[in-house]
């Protein structure tokens, strides 16, 4: 398997999970108490922040030097660069995708919390302030 193709395949599953969450929230089929939504959004953003560390390490991998001036050293350095940021299945693009999905999920959880609040408020008004 070239690069991080296995991780790239896992990203496909994560994208599908996010799409399902987004569809459920947008259709009104998923609402969550505001505090739970805030907690879920925070968990997504905390994990996204942890991926910043992975990203910094990936950038270091993409700038490998010091493997010598021989052909073998240069070839090996180039392989590290390619694995880090040379193809769509490389580490940097995969981590970026994960961070984007996590931020989108955080925003979607927040939308679910707002939907819950709006429904609660609509019910309160419908029942004369007694919901």
N, C-alpha and C. Protein backbone atom coordinates (compact mmCIF):
# COMPACT_ATOMS: atom_id res chain seq x y z
N UNK A 1 0.84 -1.17 0.00
CA UNK A 1 0.00 0.00 0.00
C UNK A 1 0.90 1.24 0.00
N UNK A 2 0.71 2.10 -0.95
CA UNK A 2 1.52 3.30 -1.09
C UNK A 2 1.03 4.39 -0.15
N UNK A 3 1.96 5.09 0.46
CA UNK A 3 1.59 6.20 1.33
C UNK A 3 0.75 5.74 2.50
N UNK A 4 -0.30 6.46 2.73
CA UNK A 4 -1.20 6.15 3.84
C UNK A 4 -2.57 5.79 3.28
N UNK A 5 -2.59 4.91 2.28
CA UNK A 5 -3.84 4.55 1.60
C UNK A 5 -4.84 3.93 2.57
N UNK A 6 -4.38 3.18 3.55
CA UNK A 6 -5.29 2.60 4.54
C UNK A 6 -6.00 3.69 5.33
N UNK A 7 -5.25 4.71 5.73
CA UNK A 7 -5.85 5.83 6.46
C UNK A 7 -6.80 6.60 5.56
N UNK A 8 -6.45 6.69 4.31
CA UNK A 8 -7.32 7.38 3.35
C UNK A 8 -8.66 6.64 3.24
N UNK A 9 -8.61 5.32 3.24
CA UNK A 9 -9.84 4.53 3.18
C UNK A 9 -10.68 4.75 4.44
N UNK A 10 -10.03 4.86 5.60
CA UNK A 10 -10.77 5.13 6.83
C UNK A 10 -11.44 6.50 6.78
N UNK A 11 -10.79 7.45 6.11
CA UNK A 11 -11.37 8.78 5.99
C UNK A 11 -12.70 8.72 5.25
N UNK A 12 -12.81 7.81 4.30
CA UNK A 12 -14.05 7.65 3.57
C UNK A 12 -15.19 7.28 4.53
N UNK A 13 -14.90 6.39 5.47
CA UNK A 13 -15.90 6.03 6.47
C UNK A 13 -16.26 7.19 7.37
N UNK A 14 -15.27 7.98 7.75
CA UNK A 14 -15.53 9.15 8.59
C UNK A 14 -16.38 10.17 7.85
N UNK A 15 -16.09 10.36 6.57
CA UNK A 15 -16.91 11.28 5.77
C UNK A 15 -18.36 10.80 5.70
N UNK A 16 -18.55 9.48 5.56
CA UNK A 16 -19.91 8.93 5.50
C UNK A 16 -20.64 9.13 6.83
N UNK A 17 -19.93 8.94 7.94
CA UNK A 17 -20.55 9.15 9.25
C UNK A 17 -20.97 10.61 9.42
N UNK A 18 -20.08 11.52 9.01
CA UNK A 18 -20.42 12.94 9.11
C UNK A 18 -21.62 13.26 8.23
N UNK A 19 -21.65 12.72 7.02
CA UNK A 19 -22.77 13.00 6.11
C UNK A 19 -24.08 12.52 6.72
N UNK A 20 -24.06 11.36 7.36
CA UNK A 20 -25.26 10.85 8.02
C UNK A 20 -25.70 11.75 9.16
N UNK A 21 -24.75 12.21 9.95
CA UNK A 21 -25.05 13.13 11.06
C UNK A 21 -25.65 14.42 10.53
N UNK A 22 -25.01 14.98 9.51
CA UNK A 22 -25.49 16.25 8.94
C UNK A 22 -26.91 16.10 8.39
N UNK A 23 -27.15 15.00 7.67
CA UNK A 23 -28.48 14.77 7.11
C UNK A 23 -29.53 14.65 8.20
N UNK A 24 -29.19 13.92 9.27
CA UNK A 24 -30.13 13.75 10.38
C UNK A 24 -30.44 15.08 11.05
N UNK A 25 -29.44 15.90 11.25
CA UNK A 25 -29.65 17.21 11.89
C UNK A 25 -30.46 18.12 10.98
N UNK A 26 -30.09 18.17 9.71
CA UNK A 26 -30.78 19.06 8.78
C UNK A 26 -32.24 18.67 8.58
N UNK A 27 -32.54 17.37 8.68
CA UNK A 27 -33.92 16.92 8.50
C UNK A 27 -34.74 17.03 9.78
N UNK A 28 -34.09 17.42 10.87
CA UNK A 28 -34.78 17.54 12.14
C UNK A 28 -34.90 16.22 12.88
N UNK A 29 -34.27 15.19 12.37
CA UNK A 29 -34.34 13.87 12.98
C UNK A 29 -33.35 13.65 14.11
N UNK A 30 -32.50 14.61 14.34
CA UNK A 30 -31.51 14.49 15.41
C UNK A 30 -31.40 15.83 16.11
N UNK A 31 -31.82 15.83 17.36
CA UNK A 31 -31.67 17.01 18.21
C UNK A 31 -31.06 16.51 19.51
N UNK A 32 -30.30 17.37 20.13
CA UNK A 32 -29.63 16.97 21.36
C UNK A 32 -29.65 18.16 22.31
N UNK A 33 -29.71 17.85 23.60
CA UNK A 33 -29.72 18.92 24.59
C UNK A 33 -28.52 19.83 24.37
N UNK A 34 -28.70 21.13 24.55
CA UNK A 34 -27.62 22.08 24.26
C UNK A 34 -26.29 21.77 24.95
N UNK A 35 -26.32 21.36 26.21
CA UNK A 35 -25.05 21.08 26.89
C UNK A 35 -24.36 19.86 26.28
N UNK A 36 -25.14 18.85 25.93
CA UNK A 36 -24.56 17.67 25.28
C UNK A 36 -23.99 18.05 23.91
N UNK A 37 -24.68 18.93 23.20
CA UNK A 37 -24.18 19.40 21.91
C UNK A 37 -22.87 20.15 22.07
N UNK A 38 -22.82 21.01 23.09
CA UNK A 38 -21.59 21.77 23.37
C UNK A 38 -20.45 20.83 23.71
N UNK A 39 -20.75 19.81 24.53
CA UNK A 39 -19.71 18.84 24.91
C UNK A 39 -19.21 18.06 23.70
N UNK A 40 -20.13 17.64 22.83
CA UNK A 40 -19.73 16.89 21.64
C UNK A 40 -18.90 17.76 20.70
N UNK A 41 -19.30 19.01 20.53
CA UNK A 41 -18.54 19.93 19.68
C UNK A 41 -17.15 20.16 20.25
N UNK A 42 -17.07 20.30 21.56
CA UNK A 42 -15.76 20.50 22.21
C UNK A 42 -14.87 19.27 22.01
N UNK A 43 -15.45 18.09 22.13
CA UNK A 43 -14.66 16.86 21.93
C UNK A 43 -14.11 16.80 20.51
N UNK A 44 -14.93 17.18 19.54
CA UNK A 44 -14.46 17.21 18.14
C UNK A 44 -13.31 18.20 17.99
N UNK A 45 -13.47 19.38 18.55
CA UNK A 45 -12.43 20.41 18.42
C UNK A 45 -11.17 20.05 19.20
N UNK A 46 -11.32 19.39 20.34
CA UNK A 46 -10.15 18.95 21.10
C UNK A 46 -9.34 17.94 20.29
N UNK A 47 -10.05 17.00 19.65
CA UNK A 47 -9.35 16.01 18.83
C UNK A 47 -8.71 16.67 17.62
N UNK A 48 -9.41 17.63 17.03
CA UNK A 48 -8.86 18.39 15.91
C UNK A 48 -7.57 19.08 16.33
N UNK A 49 -7.55 19.65 17.53
CA UNK A 49 -6.35 20.31 18.04
C UNK A 49 -5.21 19.31 18.25
N UNK A 50 -5.54 18.10 18.70
CA UNK A 50 -4.51 17.08 18.86
C UNK A 50 -3.88 16.72 17.52
N UNK A 51 -4.67 16.80 16.46
CA UNK A 51 -4.14 16.50 15.14
C UNK A 51 -3.15 17.57 14.67
N UNK A 52 -3.17 18.75 15.29
CA UNK A 52 -2.15 19.76 14.98
C UNK A 52 -0.75 19.23 15.28
N UNK A 53 -0.62 18.44 16.34
CA UNK A 53 0.67 17.85 16.68
C UNK A 53 1.10 16.89 15.58
N UNK A 54 0.17 16.07 15.12
CA UNK A 54 0.47 15.15 14.02
C UNK A 54 0.88 15.93 12.78
N UNK A 55 0.19 17.03 12.53
CA UNK A 55 0.50 17.85 11.35
C UNK A 55 1.91 18.42 11.44
N UNK A 56 2.29 18.90 12.61
CA UNK A 56 3.66 19.44 12.76
C UNK A 56 4.70 18.35 12.51
N UNK A 57 4.43 17.16 13.00
CA UNK A 57 5.36 16.05 12.77
C UNK A 57 5.40 15.67 11.29
N UNK A 58 4.27 15.73 10.64
CA UNK A 58 4.22 15.42 9.21
C UNK A 58 5.03 16.44 8.41
N UNK A 59 4.92 17.71 8.79
CA UNK A 59 5.69 18.73 8.08
C UNK A 59 7.18 18.52 8.26
N UNK A 60 7.58 18.07 9.45
CA UNK A 60 9.00 17.77 9.66
C UNK A 60 9.44 16.62 8.77
N UNK A 61 8.58 15.63 8.64
CA UNK A 61 8.87 14.49 7.77
C UNK A 61 9.00 14.94 6.32
N UNK A 62 8.20 15.92 5.94
CA UNK A 62 8.23 16.41 4.56
C UNK A 62 9.48 17.22 4.26
N UNK A 63 10.21 17.58 5.28
CA UNK A 63 11.42 18.39 5.09
C UNK A 63 12.66 17.67 5.62
N UNK A 64 12.70 16.40 5.35
CA UNK A 64 13.83 15.58 5.81
C UNK A 64 15.09 16.01 5.09
N UNK A 65 16.13 16.21 5.85
CA UNK A 65 17.46 16.41 5.27
C UNK A 65 18.45 15.76 6.23
N UNK A 66 19.64 15.64 5.82
CA UNK A 66 20.64 15.02 6.68
C UNK A 66 20.75 13.52 6.50
N UNK A 67 20.21 13.00 5.39
CA UNK A 67 20.35 11.57 5.13
C UNK A 67 21.53 11.29 4.21
N UNK A 68 22.33 12.28 4.02
CA UNK A 68 23.54 12.09 3.23
C UNK A 68 23.38 12.55 1.80
N UNK A 69 24.51 12.62 1.12
CA UNK A 69 24.54 13.10 -0.26
C UNK A 69 24.56 11.96 -1.26
N UNK A 70 24.56 10.74 -0.77
CA UNK A 70 24.57 9.60 -1.70
C UNK A 70 23.20 9.47 -2.35
N UNK A 71 23.16 8.71 -3.43
CA UNK A 71 21.88 8.48 -4.11
C UNK A 71 20.88 7.82 -3.18
N UNK A 72 21.36 6.89 -2.37
CA UNK A 72 20.47 6.20 -1.43
C UNK A 72 19.88 7.20 -0.43
N UNK A 73 20.71 8.08 0.11
CA UNK A 73 20.24 9.08 1.06
C UNK A 73 19.22 10.01 0.45
N UNK A 74 19.48 10.48 -0.77
CA UNK A 74 18.53 11.37 -1.45
C UNK A 74 17.24 10.64 -1.79
N UNK A 75 17.35 9.40 -2.25
CA UNK A 75 16.15 8.61 -2.57
C UNK A 75 15.29 8.38 -1.33
N UNK A 76 15.95 8.06 -0.23
CA UNK A 76 15.22 7.82 1.01
C UNK A 76 14.54 9.11 1.49
N UNK A 77 15.24 10.22 1.42
CA UNK A 77 14.64 11.50 1.81
C UNK A 77 13.42 11.81 0.95
N UNK A 78 13.52 11.53 -0.35
CA UNK A 78 12.40 11.79 -1.25
C UNK A 78 11.20 10.90 -0.91
N UNK A 79 11.46 9.67 -0.49
CA UNK A 79 10.36 8.79 -0.09
C UNK A 79 9.64 9.34 1.14
N UNK A 80 10.41 9.88 2.10
CA UNK A 80 9.79 10.49 3.28
C UNK A 80 8.93 11.69 2.87
N UNK A 81 9.45 12.51 1.99
CA UNK A 81 8.71 13.69 1.53
C UNK A 81 7.41 13.26 0.87
N UNK A 82 7.47 12.25 0.00
CA UNK A 82 6.28 11.78 -0.71
C UNK A 82 5.25 11.20 0.26
N UNK A 83 5.70 10.45 1.24
CA UNK A 83 4.76 9.88 2.21
C UNK A 83 4.12 10.98 3.06
N UNK A 84 4.85 12.03 3.30
CA UNK A 84 4.32 13.11 4.13
C UNK A 84 3.35 13.99 3.35
N UNK A 85 3.71 14.38 2.12
CA UNK A 85 2.87 15.36 1.41
C UNK A 85 3.05 15.28 -0.09
N UNK A 86 3.13 14.10 -0.63
CA UNK A 86 3.37 14.00 -2.06
C UNK A 86 2.21 13.51 -2.89
N UNK A 87 1.19 12.95 -2.25
CA UNK A 87 0.03 12.42 -2.97
C UNK A 87 -1.23 12.66 -2.13
N UNK A 88 -2.40 12.47 -2.71
CA UNK A 88 -3.63 12.60 -1.92
C UNK A 88 -3.70 11.60 -0.75
N UNK A 89 -2.98 10.48 -0.87
CA UNK A 89 -2.95 9.48 0.20
C UNK A 89 -1.81 9.72 1.18
N UNK A 90 -1.16 10.86 1.09
CA UNK A 90 -0.06 11.20 2.00
C UNK A 90 -0.63 11.70 3.33
N UNK A 91 0.24 11.76 4.32
CA UNK A 91 -0.19 12.10 5.68
C UNK A 91 -0.79 13.50 5.80
N UNK A 92 -0.15 14.50 5.24
CA UNK A 92 -0.64 15.88 5.40
C UNK A 92 -2.06 16.05 4.85
N UNK A 93 -2.36 15.63 3.63
CA UNK A 93 -3.74 15.80 3.15
C UNK A 93 -4.76 15.01 3.97
N UNK A 94 -4.38 13.84 4.45
CA UNK A 94 -5.31 13.04 5.24
C UNK A 94 -5.60 13.72 6.57
N UNK A 95 -4.58 14.25 7.22
CA UNK A 95 -4.79 14.93 8.50
C UNK A 95 -5.63 16.19 8.29
N UNK A 96 -5.38 16.92 7.22
CA UNK A 96 -6.20 18.11 6.92
C UNK A 96 -7.67 17.72 6.75
N UNK A 97 -7.90 16.64 6.00
CA UNK A 97 -9.28 16.18 5.80
C UNK A 97 -9.94 15.84 7.13
N UNK A 98 -9.20 15.14 7.98
CA UNK A 98 -9.74 14.77 9.29
C UNK A 98 -10.08 16.02 10.10
N UNK A 99 -9.20 17.01 10.08
CA UNK A 99 -9.47 18.24 10.82
C UNK A 99 -10.70 18.96 10.27
N UNK A 100 -10.84 18.99 8.96
CA UNK A 100 -12.01 19.64 8.35
C UNK A 100 -13.30 18.92 8.76
N UNK A 101 -13.27 17.60 8.72
CA UNK A 101 -14.45 16.82 9.08
C UNK A 101 -14.80 17.04 10.55
N UNK A 102 -13.79 17.04 11.41
CA UNK A 102 -14.04 17.25 12.84
C UNK A 102 -14.65 18.63 13.11
N UNK A 103 -14.17 19.65 12.42
CA UNK A 103 -14.76 20.99 12.58
C UNK A 103 -16.20 21.00 12.08
N UNK A 104 -16.44 20.36 10.93
CA UNK A 104 -17.81 20.28 10.41
C UNK A 104 -18.73 19.53 11.37
N UNK A 105 -18.21 18.46 11.97
CA UNK A 105 -19.00 17.72 12.95
C UNK A 105 -19.31 18.59 14.16
N UNK A 106 -18.33 19.35 14.63
CA UNK A 106 -18.55 20.24 15.77
C UNK A 106 -19.67 21.23 15.46
N UNK A 107 -19.62 21.82 14.29
CA UNK A 107 -20.66 22.78 13.90
C UNK A 107 -22.02 22.10 13.77
N UNK A 108 -22.02 20.86 13.31
CA UNK A 108 -23.28 20.12 13.17
C UNK A 108 -23.87 19.79 14.53
N UNK A 109 -23.03 19.39 15.48
CA UNK A 109 -23.53 19.16 16.84
C UNK A 109 -24.11 20.44 17.43
N UNK A 110 -23.44 21.55 17.19
CA UNK A 110 -23.97 22.83 17.68
C UNK A 110 -25.32 23.14 17.05
N UNK A 111 -25.46 22.84 15.76
CA UNK A 111 -26.75 23.04 15.09
C UNK A 111 -27.82 22.14 15.70
N UNK A 112 -27.46 20.93 16.07
CA UNK A 112 -28.42 20.02 16.71
C UNK A 112 -28.86 20.58 18.06
N UNK A 113 -27.94 21.18 18.79
CA UNK A 113 -28.29 21.80 20.06
C UNK A 113 -29.22 22.98 19.88
N UNK A 114 -28.96 23.79 18.85
CA UNK A 114 -29.85 24.93 18.56
C UNK A 114 -31.24 24.43 18.16
N UNK A 115 -31.28 23.35 17.39
CA UNK A 115 -32.56 22.79 16.97
C UNK A 115 -33.37 22.33 18.18
N UNK A 116 -32.69 21.72 19.13
CA UNK A 116 -33.36 21.29 20.37
C UNK A 116 -33.94 22.50 21.10
N UNK A 117 -33.12 23.55 21.23
CA UNK A 117 -33.58 24.76 21.92
C UNK A 117 -34.78 25.38 21.20
N UNK A 118 -34.71 25.44 19.87
CA UNK A 118 -35.80 26.03 19.10
C UNK A 118 -37.08 25.21 19.27
N UNK A 119 -36.96 23.90 19.24
CA UNK A 119 -38.12 23.04 19.43
C UNK A 119 -38.69 23.21 20.83
N UNK A 120 -37.81 23.27 21.81
CA UNK A 120 -38.24 23.46 23.20
C UNK A 120 -38.98 24.79 23.35
N UNK A 121 -38.44 25.83 22.75
CA UNK A 121 -39.07 27.15 22.83
C UNK A 121 -40.41 27.15 22.10
N UNK A 122 -40.48 26.52 20.94
CA UNK A 122 -41.74 26.44 20.20
C UNK A 122 -42.79 25.70 21.02
N UNK A 123 -42.40 24.62 21.67
CA UNK A 123 -43.33 23.87 22.52
C UNK A 123 -43.78 24.71 23.72
N UNK A 124 -42.85 25.45 24.29
CA UNK A 124 -43.18 26.30 25.44
C UNK A 124 -44.24 27.34 25.02
N UNK A 125 -44.05 27.94 23.86
CA UNK A 125 -45.01 28.94 23.39
C UNK A 125 -46.35 28.30 23.04
N UNK A 126 -46.28 27.10 22.45
CA UNK A 126 -47.52 26.42 22.06
C UNK A 126 -48.36 26.04 23.28
N UNK A 127 -47.71 25.77 24.38
CA UNK A 127 -48.42 25.38 25.59
C UNK A 127 -48.52 26.52 26.60
N UNK A 128 -48.47 27.73 26.11
CA UNK A 128 -48.66 28.90 26.96
C UNK A 128 -47.58 29.10 28.00
N UNK A 129 -46.35 28.80 27.61
CA UNK A 129 -45.22 29.03 28.51
C UNK A 129 -45.01 27.92 29.53
N UNK A 130 -45.72 26.80 29.35
CA UNK A 130 -45.58 25.70 30.30
C UNK A 130 -45.02 24.46 29.62
N UNK A 131 -43.75 24.52 29.23
CA UNK A 131 -43.15 23.34 28.61
C UNK A 131 -42.03 22.82 29.46
